[in-house]
């Protein structure tokens, strides 16, 4: 079963500025991809029977969703969960380590408490703790969004059966 959980990040001013810059860079890359999609549309107009039409619609939808100040990193088991955005324990505090490039990182405090005893956040924390202890990692995807000047995130992962 796949689960997606939300959380809020607390960052120092310099770290927040770096993160916003990184988000802008990803948005810029997405704009470049959008311009490439426009070129594909022109090709589609020349050849309306092209097989690319459905792919183009899907890519356009993804572009619209991603363009709004978002940073996404998809993890894998080989990357200790997630290479670019990794949850770590720093002096007993859960933090999200965000790679900004050239082996430079931002550490953001994760602000999230379980709402009740059935909250899936407890399962996620147990899975993280086990992975840190056994070095048997599980993949998770992290998405960050800027909303009203604050950085919010969501983590998506699979709960074992």
N, C-alpha and C. Protein backbone atom coordinates (compact mmCIF):
# COMPACT_ATOMS: atom_id res chain seq x y z
N UNK A 1 0.84 -1.17 0.00
CA UNK A 1 0.00 0.00 0.00
C UNK A 1 0.89 1.25 0.00
N UNK A 2 0.66 2.14 -0.98
CA UNK A 2 1.40 3.39 -1.03
C UNK A 2 0.73 4.43 -0.16
N UNK A 3 1.55 5.20 0.55
CA UNK A 3 1.06 6.21 1.47
C UNK A 3 1.78 7.52 1.16
N UNK A 4 1.06 8.62 1.31
CA UNK A 4 1.66 9.94 1.17
C UNK A 4 1.32 10.75 2.41
N UNK A 5 2.34 11.29 3.06
CA UNK A 5 2.16 12.03 4.31
C UNK A 5 2.72 13.44 4.17
N UNK A 6 2.07 14.40 4.80
CA UNK A 6 2.50 15.79 4.72
C UNK A 6 3.27 16.18 5.98
N UNK A 7 4.13 17.19 5.82
CA UNK A 7 4.89 17.74 6.93
C UNK A 7 5.28 19.17 6.58
N UNK A 8 5.78 19.89 7.55
CA UNK A 8 6.25 21.26 7.35
C UNK A 8 7.72 21.30 7.71
N UNK A 9 8.48 22.17 7.04
CA UNK A 9 9.90 22.30 7.31
C UNK A 9 10.20 23.64 7.98
N UNK A 10 11.16 23.60 8.86
CA UNK A 10 11.67 24.82 9.50
C UNK A 10 13.11 24.99 9.05
N UNK A 11 13.41 26.14 8.42
CA UNK A 11 14.75 26.38 7.87
C UNK A 11 15.31 27.70 8.37
N UNK A 12 16.63 27.75 8.46
CA UNK A 12 17.29 29.04 8.72
C UNK A 12 17.14 29.89 7.47
N UNK A 13 17.30 31.20 7.62
CA UNK A 13 17.08 32.13 6.51
C UNK A 13 17.95 31.81 5.29
N UNK A 14 19.26 31.57 5.53
CA UNK A 14 20.17 31.28 4.40
C UNK A 14 19.78 29.98 3.70
N UNK A 15 19.42 28.98 4.49
CA UNK A 15 19.04 27.68 3.93
C UNK A 15 17.75 27.82 3.12
N UNK A 16 16.82 28.62 3.61
CA UNK A 16 15.55 28.81 2.90
C UNK A 16 15.80 29.51 1.57
N UNK A 17 16.70 30.48 1.56
CA UNK A 17 17.03 31.18 0.31
C UNK A 17 17.66 30.23 -0.70
N UNK A 18 18.55 29.35 -0.25
CA UNK A 18 19.16 28.35 -1.14
C UNK A 18 18.11 27.40 -1.70
N UNK A 19 17.18 26.97 -0.83
CA UNK A 19 16.13 26.05 -1.26
C UNK A 19 15.23 26.71 -2.29
N UNK A 20 14.86 27.96 -2.07
CA UNK A 20 14.01 28.67 -3.03
C UNK A 20 14.73 28.82 -4.36
N UNK A 21 16.05 29.08 -4.32
CA UNK A 21 16.84 29.16 -5.55
C UNK A 21 16.81 27.82 -6.29
N UNK A 22 16.95 26.73 -5.55
CA UNK A 22 16.90 25.40 -6.16
C UNK A 22 15.53 25.14 -6.78
N UNK A 23 14.48 25.55 -6.09
CA UNK A 23 13.13 25.39 -6.64
C UNK A 23 12.98 26.18 -7.93
N UNK A 24 13.51 27.40 -7.95
CA UNK A 24 13.45 28.22 -9.17
C UNK A 24 14.20 27.56 -10.31
N UNK A 25 15.36 26.97 -10.01
CA UNK A 25 16.13 26.30 -11.06
C UNK A 25 15.36 25.13 -11.64
N UNK A 26 14.69 24.35 -10.77
CA UNK A 26 13.90 23.25 -11.29
C UNK A 26 12.73 23.78 -12.12
N UNK A 27 12.10 24.87 -11.67
CA UNK A 27 11.01 25.47 -12.44
C UNK A 27 11.51 25.96 -13.80
N UNK A 28 12.71 26.50 -13.83
CA UNK A 28 13.30 26.95 -15.08
C UNK A 28 13.51 25.77 -16.03
N UNK A 29 14.00 24.67 -15.49
CA UNK A 29 14.19 23.47 -16.31
C UNK A 29 12.85 22.98 -16.84
N UNK A 30 11.84 23.09 -16.02
CA UNK A 30 10.51 22.66 -16.46
C UNK A 30 10.00 23.58 -17.57
N UNK A 31 10.29 24.89 -17.48
CA UNK A 31 9.89 25.81 -18.55
C UNK A 31 10.57 25.45 -19.86
N UNK A 32 11.84 25.06 -19.79
CA UNK A 32 12.55 24.63 -20.99
C UNK A 32 11.85 23.41 -21.58
N UNK A 33 11.47 22.49 -20.70
CA UNK A 33 10.75 21.30 -21.17
C UNK A 33 9.42 21.69 -21.80
N UNK A 34 8.77 22.70 -21.22
CA UNK A 34 7.49 23.18 -21.79
C UNK A 34 7.70 23.72 -23.20
N UNK A 35 8.76 24.48 -23.39
CA UNK A 35 9.05 25.00 -24.72
C UNK A 35 9.30 23.87 -25.71
N UNK A 36 9.92 22.80 -25.23
CA UNK A 36 10.11 21.64 -26.09
C UNK A 36 8.77 21.00 -26.43
N UNK A 37 7.85 21.00 -25.46
CA UNK A 37 6.51 20.48 -25.73
C UNK A 37 5.80 21.31 -26.79
N UNK A 38 6.00 22.62 -26.75
CA UNK A 38 5.39 23.48 -27.77
C UNK A 38 5.89 23.09 -29.15
N UNK A 39 7.17 22.78 -29.24
CA UNK A 39 7.73 22.35 -30.52
C UNK A 39 7.09 21.03 -30.97
N UNK A 40 6.87 20.13 -30.01
CA UNK A 40 6.20 18.89 -30.35
C UNK A 40 4.77 19.14 -30.83
N UNK A 41 4.10 20.14 -30.26
CA UNK A 41 2.75 20.47 -30.70
C UNK A 41 2.75 20.93 -32.16
N UNK A 42 3.78 21.70 -32.51
CA UNK A 42 3.89 22.16 -33.90
C UNK A 42 4.05 20.95 -34.82
N UNK A 43 4.85 19.99 -34.38
CA UNK A 43 5.02 18.77 -35.17
C UNK A 43 3.70 18.01 -35.29
N UNK A 44 2.96 17.98 -34.18
CA UNK A 44 1.67 17.30 -34.18
C UNK A 44 0.71 17.97 -35.16
N UNK A 45 0.76 19.30 -35.24
CA UNK A 45 -0.12 20.03 -36.16
C UNK A 45 0.21 19.66 -37.61
N UNK A 46 1.48 19.44 -37.87
CA UNK A 46 1.90 19.04 -39.22
C UNK A 46 1.44 17.62 -39.53
N UNK A 47 1.47 16.76 -38.51
CA UNK A 47 1.09 15.37 -38.69
C UNK A 47 0.09 15.01 -37.59
N UNK A 48 -1.20 15.24 -37.81
CA UNK A 48 -2.19 15.02 -36.75
C UNK A 48 -2.33 13.56 -36.32
N UNK A 49 -1.80 12.64 -37.07
CA UNK A 49 -1.93 11.22 -36.73
C UNK A 49 -0.72 10.70 -35.96
N UNK A 50 0.13 11.58 -35.52
CA UNK A 50 1.34 11.16 -34.78
C UNK A 50 0.92 10.45 -33.46
N UNK A 51 1.64 9.52 -33.06
CA UNK A 51 1.41 8.76 -31.83
C UNK A 51 1.75 9.56 -30.58
N UNK A 52 2.43 10.66 -30.76
CA UNK A 52 2.94 11.51 -29.67
C UNK A 52 1.85 12.33 -28.98
N UNK A 53 0.64 12.39 -29.54
CA UNK A 53 -0.41 13.23 -28.99
C UNK A 53 -0.74 12.91 -27.53
N UNK A 54 -0.92 11.65 -27.20
CA UNK A 54 -1.28 11.27 -25.82
C UNK A 54 -0.13 11.56 -24.87
N UNK A 55 1.06 11.30 -25.31
CA UNK A 55 2.24 11.58 -24.48
C UNK A 55 2.35 13.08 -24.22
N UNK A 56 2.07 13.87 -25.25
CA UNK A 56 2.13 15.32 -25.13
C UNK A 56 1.13 15.82 -24.09
N UNK A 57 -0.09 15.31 -24.13
CA UNK A 57 -1.10 15.73 -23.15
C UNK A 57 -0.66 15.39 -21.73
N UNK A 58 -0.08 14.22 -21.54
CA UNK A 58 0.38 13.80 -20.22
C UNK A 58 1.52 14.71 -19.74
N UNK A 59 2.46 14.99 -20.62
CA UNK A 59 3.59 15.85 -20.26
C UNK A 59 3.12 17.27 -19.94
N UNK A 60 2.14 17.77 -20.68
CA UNK A 60 1.60 19.10 -20.41
C UNK A 60 0.97 19.16 -19.02
N UNK A 61 0.23 18.14 -18.66
CA UNK A 61 -0.40 18.10 -17.35
C UNK A 61 0.66 18.09 -16.25
N UNK A 62 1.70 17.28 -16.42
CA UNK A 62 2.78 17.22 -15.44
C UNK A 62 3.47 18.57 -15.34
N UNK A 63 3.69 19.23 -16.48
CA UNK A 63 4.35 20.52 -16.48
C UNK A 63 3.54 21.54 -15.67
N UNK A 64 2.23 21.57 -15.89
CA UNK A 64 1.38 22.51 -15.15
C UNK A 64 1.48 22.28 -13.64
N UNK A 65 1.49 21.02 -13.25
CA UNK A 65 1.55 20.70 -11.82
C UNK A 65 2.91 21.06 -11.22
N UNK A 66 3.96 20.82 -11.96
CA UNK A 66 5.30 21.02 -11.42
C UNK A 66 5.78 22.47 -11.46
N UNK A 67 5.15 23.29 -12.24
CA UNK A 67 5.65 24.64 -12.47
C UNK A 67 5.46 25.56 -11.27
N UNK A 68 4.71 25.17 -10.31
CA UNK A 68 4.31 26.06 -9.23
C UNK A 68 5.21 25.95 -8.00
N UNK A 69 6.50 26.23 -8.14
CA UNK A 69 7.42 26.27 -7.00
C UNK A 69 7.54 24.95 -6.27
N UNK A 70 7.83 23.92 -7.00
CA UNK A 70 7.90 22.58 -6.43
C UNK A 70 9.29 21.99 -6.64
N UNK A 71 9.71 21.19 -5.70
CA UNK A 71 10.96 20.44 -5.83
C UNK A 71 10.63 18.99 -5.52
N UNK A 72 10.97 18.11 -6.44
CA UNK A 72 10.65 16.69 -6.28
C UNK A 72 11.92 15.85 -6.43
N UNK A 73 12.01 14.83 -5.60
CA UNK A 73 13.10 13.87 -5.72
C UNK A 73 12.55 12.47 -5.49
N UNK A 74 12.75 11.61 -6.47
CA UNK A 74 12.26 10.24 -6.40
C UNK A 74 13.39 9.35 -5.90
N UNK A 75 13.11 8.60 -4.87
CA UNK A 75 14.14 7.77 -4.25
C UNK A 75 14.18 6.36 -4.77
N UNK A 76 15.22 5.65 -4.35
CA UNK A 76 15.36 4.23 -4.66
C UNK A 76 16.08 3.56 -3.50
N UNK A 77 15.93 2.26 -3.43
CA UNK A 77 16.56 1.50 -2.35
C UNK A 77 18.08 1.66 -2.37
N UNK A 78 18.65 1.71 -3.57
CA UNK A 78 20.11 1.83 -3.72
C UNK A 78 20.62 3.19 -3.23
N UNK A 79 19.75 4.18 -3.21
CA UNK A 79 20.13 5.54 -2.80
C UNK A 79 19.86 5.79 -1.32
N UNK A 80 19.81 4.75 -0.52
CA UNK A 80 19.51 4.86 0.91
C UNK A 80 18.19 5.58 1.12
N UNK A 81 17.23 5.29 0.27
CA UNK A 81 15.90 5.88 0.39
C UNK A 81 15.69 6.97 -0.63
N UNK A 82 16.56 7.98 -0.60
CA UNK A 82 16.46 9.09 -1.53
C UNK A 82 17.80 9.81 -1.55
N UNK A 83 18.38 9.93 -2.71
CA UNK A 83 19.72 10.51 -2.82
C UNK A 83 19.73 12.01 -2.59
N UNK A 84 18.74 12.71 -3.11
CA UNK A 84 18.76 14.17 -3.07
C UNK A 84 18.06 14.77 -1.86
N UNK A 85 17.04 14.09 -1.34
CA UNK A 85 16.35 14.56 -0.14
C UNK A 85 16.20 13.37 0.80
N UNK A 86 17.00 13.38 1.85
CA UNK A 86 17.07 12.22 2.74
C UNK A 86 16.71 12.62 4.17
N UNK A 87 15.87 11.81 4.81
CA UNK A 87 15.54 12.02 6.21
C UNK A 87 16.70 11.51 7.05
N UNK A 88 17.13 12.32 8.03
CA UNK A 88 18.23 11.94 8.90
C UNK A 88 17.92 12.36 10.33
N UNK A 89 18.56 11.69 11.26
CA UNK A 89 18.45 12.02 12.68
C UNK A 89 19.65 12.89 13.04
N UNK A 90 19.40 14.12 13.43
CA UNK A 90 20.45 15.03 13.86
C UNK A 90 20.22 15.37 15.32
N UNK A 91 21.02 14.77 16.19
CA UNK A 91 20.92 15.02 17.63
C UNK A 91 19.50 14.79 18.16
N UNK A 92 18.89 13.70 17.72
CA UNK A 92 17.56 13.35 18.20
C UNK A 92 16.42 14.09 17.52
N UNK A 93 16.73 14.90 16.53
CA UNK A 93 15.70 15.66 15.80
C UNK A 93 15.63 15.17 14.36
N UNK A 94 14.42 14.89 13.87
CA UNK A 94 14.25 14.46 12.49
C UNK A 94 14.46 15.66 11.57
N UNK A 95 15.38 15.50 10.63
CA UNK A 95 15.69 16.56 9.67
C UNK A 95 15.62 15.99 8.26
N UNK A 96 15.39 16.88 7.32
CA UNK A 96 15.45 16.52 5.91
C UNK A 96 16.72 17.15 5.35
N UNK A 97 17.60 16.30 4.85
CA UNK A 97 18.84 16.77 4.22
C UNK A 97 18.55 16.97 2.74
N UNK A 98 18.69 18.19 2.27
CA UNK A 98 18.39 18.53 0.88
C UNK A 98 19.70 18.85 0.18
N UNK A 99 20.00 18.11 -0.88
CA UNK A 99 21.22 18.33 -1.64
C UNK A 99 21.03 19.53 -2.55
N UNK A 100 21.96 20.50 -2.44
CA UNK A 100 21.89 21.69 -3.29
C UNK A 100 22.92 21.64 -4.42
N UNK A 101 23.74 20.61 -4.43
CA UNK A 101 24.74 20.45 -5.48
C UNK A 101 26.14 20.49 -4.92
N UNK A 102 27.08 19.92 -5.65
CA UNK A 102 28.50 19.91 -5.27
C UNK A 102 28.72 19.48 -3.82
N UNK A 103 28.02 18.42 -3.41
CA UNK A 103 28.14 17.88 -2.05
C UNK A 103 27.82 18.92 -0.97
N UNK A 104 26.92 19.84 -1.29
CA UNK A 104 26.45 20.82 -0.32
C UNK A 104 25.02 20.47 0.05
N UNK A 105 24.71 20.66 1.33
CA UNK A 105 23.39 20.25 1.83
C UNK A 105 22.76 21.36 2.67
N UNK A 106 21.44 21.33 2.68
CA UNK A 106 20.64 22.14 3.60
C UNK A 106 19.99 21.15 4.55
N UNK A 107 19.98 21.45 5.83
CA UNK A 107 19.28 20.62 6.79
C UNK A 107 18.07 21.39 7.29
N UNK A 108 16.90 20.80 7.13
CA UNK A 108 15.65 21.43 7.56
C UNK A 108 15.00 20.57 8.63
N UNK A 109 14.58 21.20 9.69
CA UNK A 109 13.88 20.50 10.77
C UNK A 109 12.48 20.12 10.29
N UNK A 110 12.11 18.86 10.47
CA UNK A 110 10.79 18.37 10.06
C UNK A 110 9.82 18.60 11.22
N UNK A 111 8.77 19.35 10.94
CA UNK A 111 7.76 19.64 11.95
C UNK A 111 6.53 18.77 11.67
N UNK A 112 6.44 17.68 12.36
CA UNK A 112 5.30 16.77 12.17
C UNK A 112 5.19 15.87 13.38
N UNK A 113 4.03 15.81 13.95
CA UNK A 113 3.75 14.91 15.06
C UNK A 113 2.58 14.03 14.64
N UNK A 114 2.55 12.79 15.11
CA UNK A 114 1.41 11.93 14.79
C UNK A 114 0.12 12.51 15.39
N UNK A 115 -0.96 12.42 14.63
CA UNK A 115 -2.23 12.96 15.11
C UNK A 115 -2.97 11.99 16.03
N UNK A 116 -2.71 10.68 15.86
CA UNK A 116 -3.31 9.66 16.74
C UNK A 116 -2.50 8.38 16.61
N UNK A 117 -2.92 7.34 17.31
CA UNK A 117 -2.14 6.10 17.33
C UNK A 117 -2.18 5.34 16.01
N UNK A 118 -3.11 5.69 15.12
CA UNK A 118 -3.20 5.01 13.82
C UNK A 118 -2.57 5.83 12.69
N UNK A 119 -1.96 6.94 13.04
CA UNK A 119 -1.34 7.82 12.04
C UNK A 119 -0.20 7.07 11.34
N UNK A 120 -0.19 7.09 10.02
CA UNK A 120 0.83 6.39 9.23
C UNK A 120 2.22 7.00 9.43
N UNK A 121 2.30 8.20 10.01
CA UNK A 121 3.59 8.82 10.31
C UNK A 121 4.38 7.94 11.27
N UNK A 122 3.68 7.28 12.20
CA UNK A 122 4.35 6.37 13.13
C UNK A 122 4.99 5.20 12.39
N UNK A 123 4.29 4.67 11.40
CA UNK A 123 4.85 3.58 10.58
C UNK A 123 6.07 4.05 9.81
N UNK A 124 5.98 5.27 9.25
CA UNK A 124 7.11 5.83 8.50
C UNK A 124 8.32 6.00 9.42
N UNK A 125 8.09 6.54 10.61
CA UNK A 125 9.20 6.74 11.55
C UNK A 125 9.81 5.40 11.97
N UNK A 126 8.98 4.39 12.19
CA UNK A 126 9.49 3.05 12.54
C UNK A 126 10.32 2.47 11.40
N UNK A 127 9.84 2.65 10.17
CA UNK A 127 10.58 2.16 9.01
C UNK A 127 11.92 2.88 8.87
N UNK A 128 11.92 4.21 9.10
CA UNK A 128 13.17 4.97 9.04
C UNK A 128 14.16 4.48 10.09
N UNK A 129 13.69 4.36 11.31
CA UNK A 129 14.55 3.92 12.40
C UNK A 129 15.16 2.55 12.10
N UNK A 130 14.34 1.62 11.63
CA UNK A 130 14.84 0.29 11.28
C UNK A 130 15.86 0.37 10.15
N UNK A 131 15.60 1.21 9.16
CA UNK A 131 16.54 1.31 8.03
C UNK A 131 17.88 1.90 8.48
N UNK A 132 17.84 2.84 9.41
CA UNK A 132 19.09 3.42 9.92
C UNK A 132 19.88 2.38 10.71
N UNK A 133 19.18 1.56 11.49
CA UNK A 133 19.85 0.57 12.32
C UNK A 133 20.38 -0.61 11.52
N UNK A 134 19.62 -1.08 10.54
CA UNK A 134 20.00 -2.27 9.79
C UNK A 134 20.69 -1.96 8.47
N UNK A 135 20.69 -0.68 8.07
CA UNK A 135 21.21 -0.24 6.79
C UNK A 135 20.53 -0.97 5.63
N UNK A 136 19.27 -1.31 5.83
CA UNK A 136 18.42 -1.90 4.80
C UNK A 136 17.37 -0.84 4.47
N UNK A 137 17.63 -0.08 3.44
CA UNK A 137 16.85 1.11 3.15
C UNK A 137 15.63 0.82 2.28
N UNK A 138 14.67 1.72 2.31
CA UNK A 138 13.47 1.62 1.49
C UNK A 138 13.32 2.93 0.71
N UNK A 139 12.80 2.85 -0.50
CA UNK A 139 12.68 4.06 -1.32
C UNK A 139 11.50 4.93 -0.88
N UNK A 140 11.71 6.24 -0.97
CA UNK A 140 10.61 7.18 -0.73
C UNK A 140 10.82 8.40 -1.62
N UNK A 141 9.72 8.99 -2.00
CA UNK A 141 9.73 10.19 -2.84
C UNK A 141 9.36 11.38 -1.98
N UNK A 142 10.11 12.46 -2.13
CA UNK A 142 9.85 13.68 -1.37
C UNK A 142 9.50 14.80 -2.34
N UNK A 143 8.45 15.52 -2.02
CA UNK A 143 8.04 16.68 -2.81
C UNK A 143 7.91 17.86 -1.87
N UNK A 144 8.55 18.97 -2.23
CA UNK A 144 8.48 20.19 -1.44
C UNK A 144 7.74 21.26 -2.22
N UNK A 145 6.93 22.04 -1.52
CA UNK A 145 6.19 23.13 -2.15
C UNK A 145 6.30 24.36 -1.28
N UNK A 146 6.39 25.49 -1.95
CA UNK A 146 6.42 26.79 -1.28
C UNK A 146 5.00 27.33 -1.27
N UNK A 147 4.48 27.60 -0.07
CA UNK A 147 3.12 28.11 0.06
C UNK A 147 3.10 29.19 1.13
N UNK A 148 2.70 30.39 0.72
CA UNK A 148 2.63 31.53 1.65
C UNK A 148 3.95 31.75 2.38
N UNK A 149 5.05 31.59 1.68
CA UNK A 149 6.37 31.83 2.26
C UNK A 149 6.89 30.70 3.14
N UNK A 150 6.13 29.64 3.31
CA UNK A 150 6.54 28.50 4.12
C UNK A 150 6.79 27.30 3.21
N UNK A 151 7.66 26.40 3.65
CA UNK A 151 7.97 25.21 2.87
C UNK A 151 7.26 24.01 3.49
N UNK A 152 6.44 23.36 2.68
CA UNK A 152 5.71 22.17 3.09
C UNK A 152 6.19 21.00 2.24
N UNK A 153 6.10 19.82 2.79
CA UNK A 153 6.54 18.66 2.04
C UNK A 153 5.57 17.51 2.17
N UNK A 154 5.79 16.55 1.30
CA UNK A 154 5.08 15.28 1.42
C UNK A 154 6.07 14.18 1.08
N UNK A 155 5.89 13.07 1.76
CA UNK A 155 6.73 11.91 1.51
C UNK A 155 5.80 10.77 1.11
N UNK A 156 6.16 10.08 0.04
CA UNK A 156 5.38 8.95 -0.44
C UNK A 156 6.26 7.70 -0.40
N UNK A 157 5.68 6.61 0.11
CA UNK A 157 6.42 5.37 0.26
C UNK A 157 5.43 4.22 0.32
N UNK A 158 5.98 3.01 0.25
CA UNK A 158 5.14 1.82 0.31
C UNK A 158 5.29 1.16 1.67
N UNK A 159 4.15 0.88 2.29
CA UNK A 159 4.17 0.16 3.57
C UNK A 159 4.16 -1.34 3.24
N UNK A 160 5.12 -2.09 3.77
CA UNK A 160 5.16 -3.54 3.48
C UNK A 160 3.91 -4.23 4.01
N UNK A 161 3.54 -5.31 3.32
CA UNK A 161 2.34 -6.07 3.72
C UNK A 161 2.63 -7.02 4.83
